[in-house]
Amino acid sequence: MKQKNAYPLRLDDTLQQKLKQLAKDNDRTYRAQIENILKNYVAEYEKENGEIVVNL
């Protein structure tokens, strides 16, 4: 998937370090770990509330 917009994400230092540790534990990059968490959240939300329709 081609990235259209970079989004600078500012996180609390403690949360950032925890995410980096999760990424290491899951053999992912920091960016890939955040993307995975967000994908899982959206999938769970859609499971409970129906598909989110986007107009590209």
C-alpha atoms as a PDB file:
ATOM      1  CA  MET A   1       0.000   0.000   0.000  1.00  0.00           C
ATOM      2  CA  LYS A   2       1.412   3.360  -1.027  1.00  0.00           C
ATOM      3  CA  GLN A   3       1.641   5.936   1.749  1.00  0.00           C
ATOM      4  CA  LYS A   4      -0.096   9.176   0.788  1.00  0.00           C
ATOM      5  CA  ASN A   5       0.497  11.292   3.871  1.00  0.00           C
ATOM      6  CA  ALA A   6       3.088  11.000   6.567  1.00  0.00           C
ATOM      7  CA  TYR A   7       1.648  11.754   9.986  1.00  0.00           C
ATOM      8  CA  PRO A   8       4.022  12.742  12.770  1.00  0.00           C
ATOM      9  CA  LEU A   9       2.816  10.890  15.837  1.00  0.00           C
ATOM     10  CA  ARG A  10       3.722  12.395  19.175  1.00  0.00           C
ATOM     11  CA  LEU A  11       3.567   9.924  22.029  1.00  0.00           C
ATOM     12  CA  ASP A  12       4.348   9.944  25.705  1.00  0.00           C
ATOM     13  CA  ASP A  13       7.918   8.662  26.219  1.00  0.00           C
ATOM     14  CA  THR A  14       6.789   5.714  28.337  1.00  0.00           C
ATOM     15  CA  LEU A  15       4.186   4.618  25.792  1.00  0.00           C
ATOM     16  CA  GLN A  16       6.722   4.974  22.996  1.00  0.00           C
ATOM     17  CA  GLN A  17       9.232   2.758  24.812  1.00  0.00           C
ATOM     18  CA  LYS A  18       6.555   0.147  25.504  1.00  0.00           C
ATOM     19  CA  LEU A  19       5.539   0.112  21.836  1.00  0.00           C
ATOM     20  CA  LYS A  20       9.163  -0.285  20.816  1.00  0.00           C
ATOM     21  CA  GLN A  21       9.482  -3.254  23.179  1.00  0.00           C
ATOM     22  CA  LEU A  22       6.304  -4.817  21.761  1.00  0.00           C
ATOM     23  CA  ALA A  23       7.698  -4.337  18.253  1.00  0.00           C
ATOM     24  CA  LYS A  24      10.933  -6.045  19.243  1.00  0.00           C
ATOM     25  CA  ASP A  25       9.050  -8.904  20.932  1.00  0.00           C
ATOM     26  CA  ASN A  26       6.915  -9.367  17.792  1.00  0.00           C
ATOM     27  CA  ASP A  27       9.849  -9.046  15.381  1.00  0.00           C
ATOM     28  CA  ARG A  28       8.350  -5.952  13.759  1.00  0.00           C
ATOM     29  CA  THR A  29       9.513  -2.422  13.154  1.00  0.00           C
ATOM     30  CA  TYR A  30       8.164   0.277  15.429  1.00  0.00           C
ATOM     31  CA  ARG A  31       6.064   1.640  12.540  1.00  0.00           C
ATOM     32  CA  ALA A  32       4.760  -1.817  11.642  1.00  0.00           C
ATOM     33  CA  GLN A  33       3.793  -2.460  15.265  1.00  0.00           C
ATOM     34  CA  ILE A  34       1.768   0.751  15.445  1.00  0.00           C
ATOM     35  CA  GLU A  35       0.107  -0.041  12.104  1.00  0.00           C
ATOM     36  CA  ASN A  36      -0.742  -3.557  13.316  1.00  0.00           C
ATOM     37  CA  ILE A  37      -2.312  -2.215  16.514  1.00  0.00           C
ATOM     38  CA  LEU A  38      -4.396   0.276  14.549  1.00  0.00           C
ATOM     39  CA  LYS A  39      -5.526  -2.343  11.998  1.00  0.00           C
ATOM     40  CA  ASN A  40      -6.593  -4.664  14.819  1.00  0.00           C
ATOM     41  CA  TYR A  41      -8.494  -1.847  16.527  1.00  0.00           C
ATOM     42  CA  VAL A  42     -10.350  -0.910  13.330  1.00  0.00           C
ATOM     43  CA  ALA A  43     -11.182  -4.574  12.606  1.00  0.00           C
ATOM     44  CA  GLU A  44     -12.586  -5.030  16.127  1.00  0.00           C
ATOM     45  CA  TYR A  45     -14.568  -1.787  15.851  1.00  0.00           C
ATOM     46  CA  GLU A  46     -16.045  -2.862  12.500  1.00  0.00           C
ATOM     47  CA  LYS A  47     -16.880  -6.281  13.916  1.00  0.00           C
ATOM     48  CA  GLU A  48     -18.964  -4.627  16.632  1.00  0.00           C
ATOM     49  CA  ASN A  49     -20.338  -1.648  14.701  1.00  0.00           C
ATOM     50  CA  GLY A  50     -20.312  -2.516  11.009  1.00  0.00           C
ATOM     51  CA  GLU A  51     -17.965  -1.598   8.214  1.00  0.00           C
ATOM     52  CA  ILE A  52     -16.558   1.901   8.060  1.00  0.00           C
ATOM     53  CA  VAL A  53     -17.184   3.171   4.536  1.00  0.00           C
ATOM     54  CA  VAL A  54     -14.529   5.501   3.150  1.00  0.00           C
ATOM     55  CA  ASN A  55     -14.681   7.478  -0.067  1.00  0.00           C
ATOM     56  CA  LEU A  56     -11.264   7.662  -1.651  1.00  0.00           C
END
